[in-house]
Amino acid sequence: HAYYLKYQNKRPDYISAFWNVVNWEEVDKRYHNALK
């Protein structure tokens, strides 16, 4: 349900597209907090 409307059975295409919208600022924040 996270990708089927646009990508149908092409999960690899959805995964590739994901890298264009990753919020690395949030990932950084969570990484910093996890190290405490």
PDB file of all heavy atoms in Angstrom:
ATOM      1  N   HIS A   1       0.825  -1.219   0.000  1.00  0.00           N
ATOM      2  CA  HIS A   1       0.000   0.000   0.000  1.00  0.00           C
ATOM      3  C   HIS A   1       0.857   1.266   0.000  1.00  0.00           C
ATOM      4  O   HIS A   1       0.346   2.352  -0.250  1.00  0.00           O
ATOM      5  CB  HIS A   1      -0.991  -0.002   1.181  1.00  0.00           C
ATOM      6  CG  HIS A   1      -0.376   0.031   2.543  1.00  0.00           C
ATOM      7  ND1 HIS A   1      -0.599  -0.948   3.486  1.00  0.00           N
ATOM      8  CD2 HIS A   1       0.434   0.931   3.151  1.00  0.00           C
ATOM      9  CE1 HIS A   1       0.043  -0.640   4.602  1.00  0.00           C
ATOM     10  NE2 HIS A   1       0.672   0.485   4.422  1.00  0.00           N
ATOM     11  N   ALA A   2       2.154   1.139   0.292  1.00  0.00           N
ATOM     12  CA  ALA A   2       3.042   2.299   0.297  1.00  0.00           C
ATOM     13  C   ALA A   2       3.464   2.716  -1.108  1.00  0.00           C
ATOM     14  O   ALA A   2       3.963   3.839  -1.283  1.00  0.00           O
ATOM     15  CB  ALA A   2       4.281   2.003   1.133  1.00  0.00           C
ATOM     16  N   TYR A   3       3.279   1.834  -2.102  1.00  0.00           N
ATOM     17  CA  TYR A   3       3.824   2.152  -3.421  1.00  0.00           C
ATOM     18  C   TYR A   3       3.021   1.631  -4.610  1.00  0.00           C
ATOM     19  O   TYR A   3       3.308   1.985  -5.753  1.00  0.00           O
ATOM     20  CB  TYR A   3       5.256   1.623  -3.531  1.00  0.00           C
ATOM     21  CG  TYR A   3       5.408   0.116  -3.426  1.00  0.00           C
ATOM     22  CD1 TYR A   3       5.314  -0.702  -4.547  1.00  0.00           C
ATOM     23  CD2 TYR A   3       5.680  -0.488  -2.208  1.00  0.00           C
ATOM     24  CE1 TYR A   3       5.476  -2.079  -4.454  1.00  0.00           C
ATOM     25  CE2 TYR A   3       5.844  -1.854  -2.095  1.00  0.00           C
ATOM     26  CZ  TYR A   3       5.743  -2.653  -3.220  1.00  0.00           C
ATOM     27  OH  TYR A   3       5.900  -4.019  -3.110  1.00  0.00           O
ATOM     28  N   TYR A   4       1.983   0.819  -4.391  1.00  0.00           N
ATOM     29  CA  TYR A   4       1.406   0.066  -5.507  1.00  0.00           C
ATOM     30  C   TYR A   4       0.704   0.942  -6.533  1.00  0.00           C
ATOM     31  O   TYR A   4       0.706   0.625  -7.730  1.00  0.00           O
ATOM     32  CB  TYR A   4       0.453  -1.013  -4.994  1.00  0.00           C
ATOM     33  CG  TYR A   4       0.294  -2.147  -5.974  1.00  0.00           C
ATOM     34  CD1 TYR A   4       1.179  -3.218  -5.959  1.00  0.00           C
ATOM     35  CD2 TYR A   4      -0.702  -2.125  -6.938  1.00  0.00           C
ATOM     36  CE1 TYR A   4       1.066  -4.256  -6.871  1.00  0.00           C
ATOM     37  CE2 TYR A   4      -0.831  -3.159  -7.862  1.00  0.00           C
ATOM     38  CZ  TYR A   4       0.058  -4.222  -7.827  1.00  0.00           C
ATOM     39  OH  TYR A   4      -0.058  -5.236  -8.735  1.00  0.00           O
ATOM     40  N   LEU A   5       0.077   2.027  -6.118  1.00  0.00           N
ATOM     41  CA  LEU A   5      -0.634   2.874  -7.082  1.00  0.00           C
ATOM     42  C   LEU A   5       0.295   3.398  -8.167  1.00  0.00           C
ATOM     43  O   LEU A   5      -0.074   3.444  -9.335  1.00  0.00           O
ATOM     44  CB  LEU A   5      -1.284   4.056  -6.364  1.00  0.00           C
ATOM     45  CG  LEU A   5      -2.665   3.825  -5.753  1.00  0.00           C
ATOM     46  CD1 LEU A   5      -3.123   5.083  -5.044  1.00  0.00           C
ATOM     47  CD2 LEU A   5      -3.668   3.410  -6.813  1.00  0.00           C
ATOM     48  N   LYS A   6       1.493   3.783  -7.779  1.00  0.00           N
ATOM     49  CA  LYS A   6       2.435   4.366  -8.738  1.00  0.00           C
ATOM     50  C   LYS A   6       3.359   3.332  -9.355  1.00  0.00           C
ATOM     51  O   LYS A   6       3.648   3.379 -10.554  1.00  0.00           O
ATOM     52  CB  LYS A   6       3.261   5.461  -8.062  1.00  0.00           C
ATOM     53  CG  LYS A   6       4.244   6.163  -8.993  1.00  0.00           C
ATOM     54  CD  LYS A   6       4.934   7.312  -8.284  1.00  0.00           C
ATOM     55  CE  LYS A   6       5.930   8.016  -9.208  1.00  0.00           C
ATOM     56  NZ  LYS A   6       5.266   8.678 -10.354  1.00  0.00           N
ATOM     57  N   TYR A   7       3.821   2.387  -8.534  1.00  0.00           N
ATOM     58  CA  TYR A   7       4.876   1.476  -8.987  1.00  0.00           C
ATOM     59  C   TYR A   7       4.399   0.056  -9.245  1.00  0.00           C
ATOM     60  O   TYR A   7       5.180  -0.760  -9.740  1.00  0.00           O
ATOM     61  CB  TYR A   7       6.010   1.456  -7.947  1.00  0.00           C
ATOM     62  CG  TYR A   7       6.686   2.795  -7.801  1.00  0.00           C
ATOM     63  CD1 TYR A   7       6.346   3.657  -6.762  1.00  0.00           C
ATOM     64  CD2 TYR A   7       7.653   3.210  -8.711  1.00  0.00           C
ATOM     65  CE1 TYR A   7       6.958   4.896  -6.623  1.00  0.00           C
ATOM     66  CE2 TYR A   7       8.277   4.445  -8.586  1.00  0.00           C
ATOM     67  CZ  TYR A   7       7.919   5.292  -7.540  1.00  0.00           C
ATOM     68  OH  TYR A   7       8.527   6.510  -7.416  1.00  0.00           O
ATOM     69  N   GLN A   8       3.148  -0.256  -8.942  1.00  0.00           N
ATOM     70  CA  GLN A   8       2.610  -1.609  -9.072  1.00  0.00           C
ATOM     71  C   GLN A   8       3.542  -2.637  -8.413  1.00  0.00           C
ATOM     72  O   GLN A   8       3.870  -2.499  -7.265  1.00  0.00           O
ATOM     73  CB  GLN A   8       2.329  -1.935 -10.551  1.00  0.00           C
ATOM     74  CG  GLN A   8       1.143  -1.179 -11.122  1.00  0.00           C
ATOM     75  CD  GLN A   8       1.492   0.231 -11.545  1.00  0.00           C
ATOM     76  OE1 GLN A   8       2.452   0.456 -12.268  1.00  0.00           O
ATOM     77  NE2 GLN A   8       0.726   1.201 -11.081  1.00  0.00           N
ATOM     78  N   ASN A   9       4.008  -3.632  -9.150  1.00  0.00           N
ATOM     79  CA  ASN A   9       4.855  -4.667  -8.560  1.00  0.00           C
ATOM     80  C   ASN A   9       6.344  -4.337  -8.621  1.00  0.00           C
ATOM     81  O   ASN A   9       7.188  -5.168  -8.289  1.00  0.00           O
ATOM     82  CB  ASN A   9       4.616  -6.004  -9.280  1.00  0.00           C
ATOM     83  CG  ASN A   9       5.008  -5.935 -10.748  1.00  0.00           C
ATOM     84  OD1 ASN A   9       4.795  -4.910 -11.399  1.00  0.00           O
ATOM     85  ND2 ASN A   9       5.551  -7.012 -11.285  1.00  0.00           N
ATOM     86  N   LYS A  10       6.679  -3.112  -8.982  1.00  0.00           N
ATOM     87  CA  LYS A  10       8.085  -2.732  -9.177  1.00  0.00           C
ATOM     88  C   LYS A  10       8.653  -2.130  -7.885  1.00  0.00           C
ATOM     89  O   LYS A  10       8.981  -0.940  -7.822  1.00  0.00           O
ATOM     90  CB  LYS A  10       8.213  -1.760 -10.341  1.00  0.00           C
ATOM     91  CG  LYS A  10       7.699  -2.342 -11.656  1.00  0.00           C
ATOM     92  CD  LYS A  10       7.666  -1.291 -12.754  1.00  0.00           C
ATOM     93  CE  LYS A  10       7.048  -1.843 -14.038  1.00  0.00           C
ATOM     94  NZ  LYS A  10       6.901  -0.795 -15.081  1.00  0.00           N
ATOM     95  N   ARG A  11       8.760  -2.949  -6.870  1.00  0.00           N
ATOM     96  CA  ARG A  11       9.288  -2.466  -5.594  1.00  0.00           C
ATOM     97  C   ARG A  11      10.671  -1.835  -5.737  1.00  0.00           C
ATOM     98  O   ARG A  11      10.942  -0.803  -5.106  1.00  0.00           O
ATOM     99  CB  ARG A  11       9.316  -3.590  -4.556  1.00  0.00           C
ATOM    100  CG  ARG A  11       9.756  -3.116  -3.181  1.00  0.00           C
ATOM    101  CD  ARG A  11      10.017  -4.251  -2.206  1.00  0.00           C
ATOM    102  NE  ARG A  11       8.823  -4.914  -1.727  1.00  0.00           N
ATOM    103  CZ  ARG A  11       8.828  -5.831  -0.762  1.00  0.00           C
ATOM    104  NH1 ARG A  11       9.969  -6.191  -0.181  1.00  0.00           N
ATOM    105  NH2 ARG A  11       7.708  -6.414  -0.383  1.00  0.00           N
ATOM    106  N   PRO A  12      11.587  -2.399  -6.539  1.00  0.00           N
ATOM    107  CA  PRO A  12      12.912  -1.765  -6.672  1.00  0.00           C
ATOM    108  C   PRO A  12      12.849  -0.321  -7.163  1.00  0.00           C
ATOM    109  O   PRO A  12      13.671   0.510  -6.743  1.00  0.00           O
ATOM    110  CB  PRO A  12      13.632  -2.671  -7.666  1.00  0.00           C
ATOM    111  CG  PRO A  12      12.990  -4.009  -7.468  1.00  0.00           C
ATOM    112  CD  PRO A  12      11.545  -3.701  -7.227  1.00  0.00           C
ATOM    113  N   ASP A  13      11.884  -0.001  -8.031  1.00  0.00           N
ATOM    114  CA  ASP A  13      11.754   1.377  -8.506  1.00  0.00           C
ATOM    115  C   ASP A  13      11.330   2.308  -7.379  1.00  0.00           C
ATOM    116  O   ASP A  13      11.802   3.448  -7.281  1.00  0.00           O
ATOM    117  CB  ASP A  13      10.736   1.446  -9.650  1.00  0.00           C
ATOM    118  CG  ASP A  13      11.230   0.785 -10.923  1.00  0.00           C
ATOM    119  OD1 ASP A  13      12.413   0.378 -10.965  1.00  0.00           O
ATOM    120  OD2 ASP A  13      10.439   0.666 -11.876  1.00  0.00           O
ATOM    121  N   TYR A  14      10.423   1.836  -6.551  1.00  0.00           N
ATOM    122  CA  TYR A  14       9.985   2.610  -5.380  1.00  0.00           C
ATOM    123  C   TYR A  14      11.155   2.828  -4.417  1.00  0.00           C
ATOM    124  O   TYR A  14      11.347   3.938  -3.898  1.00  0.00           O
ATOM    125  CB  TYR A  14       8.849   1.861  -4.699  1.00  0.00           C
ATOM    126  CG  TYR A  14       8.560   2.240  -3.263  1.00  0.00           C
ATOM    127  CD1 TYR A  14       8.037   3.483  -2.922  1.00  0.00           C
ATOM    128  CD2 TYR A  14       8.791   1.321  -2.229  1.00  0.00           C
ATOM    129  CE1 TYR A  14       7.746   3.806  -1.602  1.00  0.00           C
ATOM    130  CE2 TYR A  14       8.499   1.629  -0.912  1.00  0.00           C
ATOM    131  CZ  TYR A  14       7.981   2.885  -0.600  1.00  0.00           C
ATOM    132  OH  TYR A  14       7.692   3.191   0.700  1.00  0.00           O
ATOM    133  N   ILE A  15      11.946   1.804  -4.196  1.00  0.00           N
ATOM    134  CA  ILE A  15      13.089   1.923  -3.293  1.00  0.00           C
ATOM    135  C   ILE A  15      14.096   2.922  -3.840  1.00  0.00           C
ATOM    136  O   ILE A  15      14.648   3.755  -3.104  1.00  0.00           O
ATOM    137  CB  ILE A  15      13.741   0.541  -3.087  1.00  0.00           C
ATOM    138  CG1 ILE A  15      12.750  -0.389  -2.365  1.00  0.00           C
ATOM    139  CG2 ILE A  15      15.046   0.656  -2.307  1.00  0.00           C
ATOM    140  CD1 ILE A  15      13.163  -1.847  -2.376  1.00  0.00           C
ATOM    141  N   SER A  16      14.341   2.876  -5.132  1.00  0.00           N
ATOM    142  CA  SER A  16      15.261   3.821  -5.757  1.00  0.00           C
ATOM    143  C   SER A  16      14.750   5.253  -5.614  1.00  0.00           C
ATOM    144  O   SER A  16      15.519   6.179  -5.313  1.00  0.00           O
ATOM    145  CB  SER A  16      15.440   3.463  -7.234  1.00  0.00           C
ATOM    146  OG  SER A  16      16.297   4.380  -7.881  1.00  0.00           O
ATOM    147  N   ALA A  17      13.438   5.445  -5.799  1.00  0.00           N
ATOM    148  CA  ALA A  17      12.839   6.780  -5.685  1.00  0.00           C
ATOM    149  C   ALA A  17      12.938   7.319  -4.258  1.00  0.00           C
ATOM    150  O   ALA A  17      13.077   8.530  -4.049  1.00  0.00           O
ATOM    151  CB  ALA A  17      11.382   6.735  -6.134  1.00  0.00           C
ATOM    152  N   PHE A  18      12.870   6.428  -3.286  1.00  0.00           N
ATOM    153  CA  PHE A  18      12.909   6.821  -1.876  1.00  0.00           C
ATOM    154  C   PHE A  18      14.125   7.673  -1.545  1.00  0.00           C
ATOM    155  O   PHE A  18      14.036   8.627  -0.751  1.00  0.00           O
ATOM    156  CB  PHE A  18      12.895   5.548  -1.018  1.00  0.00           C
ATOM    157  CG  PHE A  18      13.264   5.737   0.422  1.00  0.00           C
ATOM    158  CD1 PHE A  18      12.414   6.389   1.305  1.00  0.00           C
ATOM    159  CD2 PHE A  18      14.471   5.238   0.922  1.00  0.00           C
ATOM    160  CE1 PHE A  18      12.760   6.540   2.650  1.00  0.00           C
ATOM    161  CE2 PHE A  18      14.815   5.382   2.257  1.00  0.00           C
ATOM    162  CZ  PHE A  18      13.955   6.039   3.118  1.00  0.00           C
ATOM    163  N   TRP A  19      15.259   7.375  -2.148  1.00  0.00           N
ATOM    164  CA  TRP A  19      16.491   8.106  -1.816  1.00  0.00           C
ATOM    165  C   TRP A  19      16.405   9.574  -2.190  1.00  0.00           C
ATOM    166  O   TRP A  19      17.189  10.392  -1.679  1.00  0.00           O
ATOM    167  CB  TRP A  19      17.689   7.447  -2.493  1.00  0.00           C
ATOM    168  CG  TRP A  19      17.955   6.067  -1.969  1.00  0.00           C
ATOM    169  CD1 TRP A  19      17.783   4.880  -2.623  1.00  0.00           C
ATOM    170  CD2 TRP A  19      18.431   5.725  -0.655  1.00  0.00           C
ATOM    171  NE1 TRP A  19      18.111   3.825  -1.808  1.00  0.00           N
ATOM    172  CE2 TRP A  19      18.512   4.310  -0.589  1.00  0.00           C
ATOM    173  CE3 TRP A  19      18.779   6.468   0.469  1.00  0.00           C
ATOM    174  CZ2 TRP A  19      18.938   3.635   0.547  1.00  0.00           C
ATOM    175  CZ3 TRP A  19      19.204   5.802   1.609  1.00  0.00           C
ATOM    176  CH2 TRP A  19      19.277   4.403   1.637  1.00  0.00           C
ATOM    177  N   ASN A  20      15.464   9.948  -3.039  1.00  0.00           N
ATOM    178  CA  ASN A  20      15.297  11.344  -3.428  1.00  0.00           C
ATOM    179  C   ASN A  20      14.522  12.163  -2.407  1.00  0.00           C
ATOM    180  O   ASN A  20      14.501  13.397  -2.493  1.00  0.00           O
ATOM    181  CB  ASN A  20      14.579  11.435  -4.778  1.00  0.00           C
ATOM    182  CG  ASN A  20      15.402  10.884  -5.911  1.00  0.00           C
ATOM    183  OD1 ASN A  20      16.323  11.541  -6.396  1.00  0.00           O
ATOM    184  ND2 ASN A  20      15.082   9.676  -6.350  1.00  0.00           N
ATOM    185  N   VAL A  21      13.877  11.505  -1.452  1.00  0.00           N
ATOM    186  CA  VAL A  21      13.036  12.235  -0.494  1.00  0.00           C
ATOM    187  C   VAL A  21      13.408  11.937   0.959  1.00  0.00           C
ATOM    188  O   VAL A  21      12.644  12.224   1.873  1.00  0.00           O
ATOM    189  CB  VAL A  21      11.534  11.941  -0.736  1.00  0.00           C
ATOM    190  CG1 VAL A  21      11.083  12.541  -2.062  1.00  0.00           C
ATOM    191  CG2 VAL A  21      11.234  10.443  -0.685  1.00  0.00           C
ATOM    192  N   VAL A  22      14.571  11.351   1.189  1.00  0.00           N
ATOM    193  CA  VAL A  22      15.000  11.087   2.569  1.00  0.00           C
ATOM    194  C   VAL A  22      15.293  12.405   3.278  1.00  0.00           C
ATOM    195  O   VAL A  22      15.992  13.274   2.738  1.00  0.00           O
ATOM    196  CB  VAL A  22      16.253  10.192   2.599  1.00  0.00           C
ATOM    197  CG1 VAL A  22      16.799  10.085   4.023  1.00  0.00           C
ATOM    198  CG2 VAL A  22      15.927   8.803   2.059  1.00  0.00           C
ATOM    199  N   ASN A  23      14.777  12.539   4.471  1.00  0.00           N
ATOM    200  CA  ASN A  23      15.028  13.721   5.306  1.00  0.00           C
ATOM    201  C   ASN A  23      16.268  13.455   6.161  1.00  0.00           C
ATOM    202  O   ASN A  23      16.179  13.033   7.310  1.00  0.00           O
ATOM    203  CB  ASN A  23      13.811  14.009   6.188  1.00  0.00           C
ATOM    204  CG  ASN A  23      13.976  15.262   7.021  1.00  0.00           C
ATOM    205  OD1 ASN A  23      15.024  15.902   7.013  1.00  0.00           O
ATOM    206  ND2 ASN A  23      12.930  15.628   7.750  1.00  0.00           N
ATOM    207  N   TRP A  24      17.435  13.739   5.583  1.00  0.00           N
ATOM    208  CA  TRP A  24      18.678  13.440   6.277  1.00  0.00           C
ATOM    209  C   TRP A  24      18.870  14.304   7.517  1.00  0.00           C
ATOM    210  O   TRP A  24      19.596  13.922   8.442  1.00  0.00           O
ATOM    211  CB  TRP A  24      19.862  13.584   5.320  1.00  0.00           C
ATOM    212  CG  TRP A  24      19.935  12.473   4.330  1.00  0.00           C
ATOM    213  CD1 TRP A  24      19.662  12.524   3.001  1.00  0.00           C
ATOM    214  CD2 TRP A  24      20.275  11.111   4.612  1.00  0.00           C
ATOM    215  NE1 TRP A  24      19.807  11.291   2.432  1.00  0.00           N
ATOM    216  CE2 TRP A  24      20.188  10.400   3.394  1.00  0.00           C
ATOM    217  CE3 TRP A  24      20.636  10.425   5.770  1.00  0.00           C
ATOM    218  CZ2 TRP A  24      20.455   9.041   3.304  1.00  0.00           C
ATOM    219  CZ3 TRP A  24      20.906   9.064   5.682  1.00  0.00           C
ATOM    220  CH2 TRP A  24      20.823   8.390   4.462  1.00  0.00           C
ATOM    221  N   GLU A  25      18.236  15.457   7.570  1.00  0.00           N
ATOM    222  CA  GLU A  25      18.316  16.274   8.778  1.00  0.00           C
ATOM    223  C   GLU A  25      17.681  15.542   9.964  1.00  0.00           C
ATOM    224  O   GLU A  25      18.199  15.577  11.080  1.00  0.00           O
ATOM    225  CB  GLU A  25      17.631  17.617   8.547  1.00  0.00           C
ATOM    226  CG  GLU A  25      18.363  18.501   7.537  1.00  0.00           C
ATOM    227  CD  GLU A  25      17.620  19.783   7.246  1.00  0.00           C
ATOM    228  OE1 GLU A  25      16.504  19.976   7.780  1.00  0.00           O
ATOM    229  OE2 GLU A  25      18.154  20.616   6.479  1.00  0.00           O
ATOM    230  N   GLU A  26      16.569  14.865   9.710  1.00  0.00           N
ATOM    231  CA  GLU A  26      15.909  14.087  10.760  1.00  0.00           C
ATOM    232  C   GLU A  26      16.730  12.852  11.120  1.00  0.00           C
ATOM    233  O   GLU A  26      16.840  12.493  12.301  1.00  0.00           O
ATOM    234  CB  GLU A  26      14.509  13.677  10.313  1.00  0.00           C
ATOM    235  CG  GLU A  26      13.709  12.899  11.334  1.00  0.00           C
ATOM    236  CD  GLU A  26      13.308  13.720  12.554  1.00  0.00           C
ATOM    237  OE1 GLU A  26      13.328  14.969  12.472  1.00  0.00           O
ATOM    238  OE2 GLU A  26      12.977  13.105  13.596  1.00  0.00           O
ATOM    239  N   VAL A  27      17.302  12.203  10.111  1.00  0.00           N
ATOM    240  CA  VAL A  27      18.154  11.041  10.384  1.00  0.00           C
ATOM    241  C   VAL A  27      19.340  11.449  11.253  1.00  0.00           C
ATOM    242  O   VAL A  27      19.688  10.773  12.224  1.00  0.00           O
ATOM    243  CB  VAL A  27      18.650  10.396   9.074  1.00  0.00           C
ATOM    244  CG1 VAL A  27      19.535   9.184   9.364  1.00  0.00           C
ATOM    245  CG2 VAL A  27      17.475   9.980   8.193  1.00  0.00           C
ATOM    246  N   ASP A  28      19.958  12.577  10.912  1.00  0.00           N
ATOM    247  CA  ASP A  28      21.085  13.098  11.708  1.00  0.00           C
ATOM    248  C   ASP A  28      20.672  13.340  13.155  1.00  0.00           C
ATOM    249  O   ASP A  28      21.410  12.994  14.087  1.00  0.00           O
ATOM    250  CB  ASP A  28      21.592  14.408  11.108  1.00  0.00           C
ATOM    251  CG  ASP A  28      22.527  14.193   9.930  1.00  0.00           C
ATOM    252  OD1 ASP A  28      23.260  13.194   9.943  1.00  0.00           O
ATOM    253  OD2 ASP A  28      22.514  15.013   9.010  1.00  0.00           O
ATOM    254  N   LYS A  29      19.524  13.952  13.340  1.00  0.00           N
ATOM    255  CA  LYS A  29      19.042  14.253  14.692  1.00  0.00           C
ATOM    256  C   LYS A  29      18.838  12.977  15.474  1.00  0.00           C
ATOM    257  O   LYS A  29      19.242  12.872  16.655  1.00  0.00           O
ATOM    258  CB  LYS A  29      17.738  15.041  14.623  1.00  0.00           C
ATOM    259  CG  LYS A  29      17.176  15.437  15.983  1.00  0.00           C
ATOM    260  CD  LYS A  29      15.925  16.299  15.847  1.00  0.00           C
ATOM    261  CE  LYS A  29      14.738  15.462  15.424  1.00  0.00           C
ATOM    262  NZ  LYS A  29      13.491  16.263  15.413  1.00  0.00           N
ATOM    263  N   ARG A  30      18.248  11.981  14.854  1.00  0.00           N
ATOM    264  CA  ARG A  30      18.005  10.719  15.540  1.00  0.00           C
ATOM    265  C   ARG A  30      19.305   9.976  15.815  1.00  0.00           C
ATOM    266  O   ARG A  30      19.439   9.297  16.855  1.00  0.00           O
ATOM    267  CB  ARG A  30      17.022   9.860  14.722  1.00  0.00           C
ATOM    268  CG  ARG A  30      15.630  10.466  14.697  1.00  0.00           C
ATOM    269  CD  ARG A  30      14.616   9.624  13.927  1.00  0.00           C
ATOM    270  NE  ARG A  30      13.309  10.264  13.972  1.00  0.00           N
ATOM    271  CZ  ARG A  30      12.442  10.133  14.961  1.00  0.00           C
ATOM    272  NH1 ARG A  30      12.739   9.353  15.995  1.00  0.00           N
ATOM    273  NH2 ARG A  30      11.285  10.760  14.943  1.00  0.00           N
ATOM    274  N   TYR A  31      20.254  10.078  14.918  1.00  0.00           N
ATOM    275  CA  TYR A  31      21.562   9.464  15.146  1.00  0.00           C
ATOM    276  C   TYR A  31      22.249  10.109  16.343  1.00  0.00           C
ATOM    277  O   TYR A  31      22.779   9.418  17.233  1.00  0.00           O
ATOM    278  CB  TYR A  31      22.429   9.603  13.896  1.00  0.00           C
ATOM    279  CG  TYR A  31      23.835   9.056  14.058  1.00  0.00           C
ATOM    280  CD1 TYR A  31      24.040   7.711  14.337  1.00  0.00           C
ATOM    281  CD2 TYR A  31      24.931   9.889  13.947  1.00  0.00           C
ATOM    282  CE1 TYR A  31      25.327   7.203  14.486  1.00  0.00           C
ATOM    283  CE2 TYR A  31      26.217   9.388  14.094  1.00  0.00           C
ATOM    284  CZ  TYR A  31      26.409   8.050  14.362  1.00  0.00           C
ATOM    285  OH  TYR A  31      27.675   7.560  14.533  1.00  0.00           O
ATOM    286  N   HIS A  32      22.227  11.416  16.397  1.00  0.00           N
ATOM    287  CA  HIS A  32      22.841  12.137  17.512  1.00  0.00           C
ATOM    288  C   HIS A  32      22.209  11.748  18.834  1.00  0.00           C
ATOM    289  O   HIS A  32      22.914  11.471  19.817  1.00  0.00           O
ATOM    290  CB  HIS A  32      22.694  13.657  17.287  1.00  0.00           C
ATOM    291  CG  HIS A  32      23.167  14.489  18.435  1.00  0.00           C
ATOM    292  ND1 HIS A  32      24.510  14.731  18.691  1.00  0.00           N
ATOM    293  CD2 HIS A  32      22.472  15.139  19.416  1.00  0.00           C
ATOM    294  CE1 HIS A  32      24.619  15.477  19.753  1.00  0.00           C
ATOM    295  NE2 HIS A  32      23.419  15.746  20.230  1.00  0.00           N
ATOM    296  N   ASN A  33      20.888  11.665  18.870  1.00  0.00           N
ATOM    297  CA  ASN A  33      20.187  11.305  20.114  1.00  0.00           C
ATOM    298  C   ASN A  33      20.473   9.862  20.519  1.00  0.00           C
ATOM    299  O   ASN A  33      20.546   9.556  21.712  1.00  0.00           O
ATOM    300  CB  ASN A  33      18.695  11.515  19.939  1.00  0.00           C
ATOM    301  CG  ASN A  33      18.310  12.989  19.870  1.00  0.00           C
ATOM    302  OD1 ASN A  33      19.044  13.854  20.339  1.00  0.00           O
ATOM    303  ND2 ASN A  33      17.166  13.270  19.276  1.00  0.00           N
ATOM    304  N   ALA A  34      20.641   8.981  19.525  1.00  0.00           N
ATOM    305  CA  ALA A  34      20.885   7.574  19.817  1.00  0.00           C
ATOM    306  C   ALA A  34      22.267   7.340  20.428  1.00  0.00           C
ATOM    307  O   ALA A  34      22.490   6.339  21.093  1.00  0.00           O
ATOM    308  CB  ALA A  34      20.728   6.733  18.555  1.00  0.00           C
ATOM    309  N   LEU A  35      23.181   8.264  20.193  1.00  0.00           N
ATOM    310  CA  LEU A  35      24.538   8.119  20.725  1.00  0.00           C
ATOM    311  C   LEU A  35      24.668   8.590  22.164  1.00  0.00           C
ATOM    312  O   LEU A  35      25.687   8.350  22.803  1.00  0.00           O
ATOM    313  CB  LEU A  35      25.525   8.907  19.858  1.00  0.00           C
ATOM    314  CG  LEU A  35      25.723   8.406  18.426  1.00  0.00           C
ATOM    315  CD1 LEU A  35      26.736   9.286  17.707  1.00  0.00           C
ATOM    316  CD2 LEU A  35      26.136   6.946  18.381  1.00  0.00           C
ATOM    317  N   LYS A  36      23.658   9.247  22.684  1.00  0.00           N
ATOM    318  CA  LYS A  36      23.732   9.792  24.047  1.00  0.00           C
ATOM    319  C   LYS A  36      23.757   8.675  25.076  1.00  0.00           C
ATOM    320  O   LYS A  36      23.134   7.628  24.881  1.00  0.00           O
ATOM    321  CB  LYS A  36      22.544  10.725  24.301  1.00  0.00           C
ATOM    322  CG  LYS A  36      22.588  12.003  23.456  1.00  0.00           C
ATOM    323  CD  LYS A  36      21.384  12.876  23.762  1.00  0.00           C
ATOM    324  CE  LYS A  36      21.422  14.149  22.937  1.00  0.00           C
ATOM    325  NZ  LYS A  36      20.223  15.005  23.191  1.00  0.00           N
TER     326      LYS A  36
END
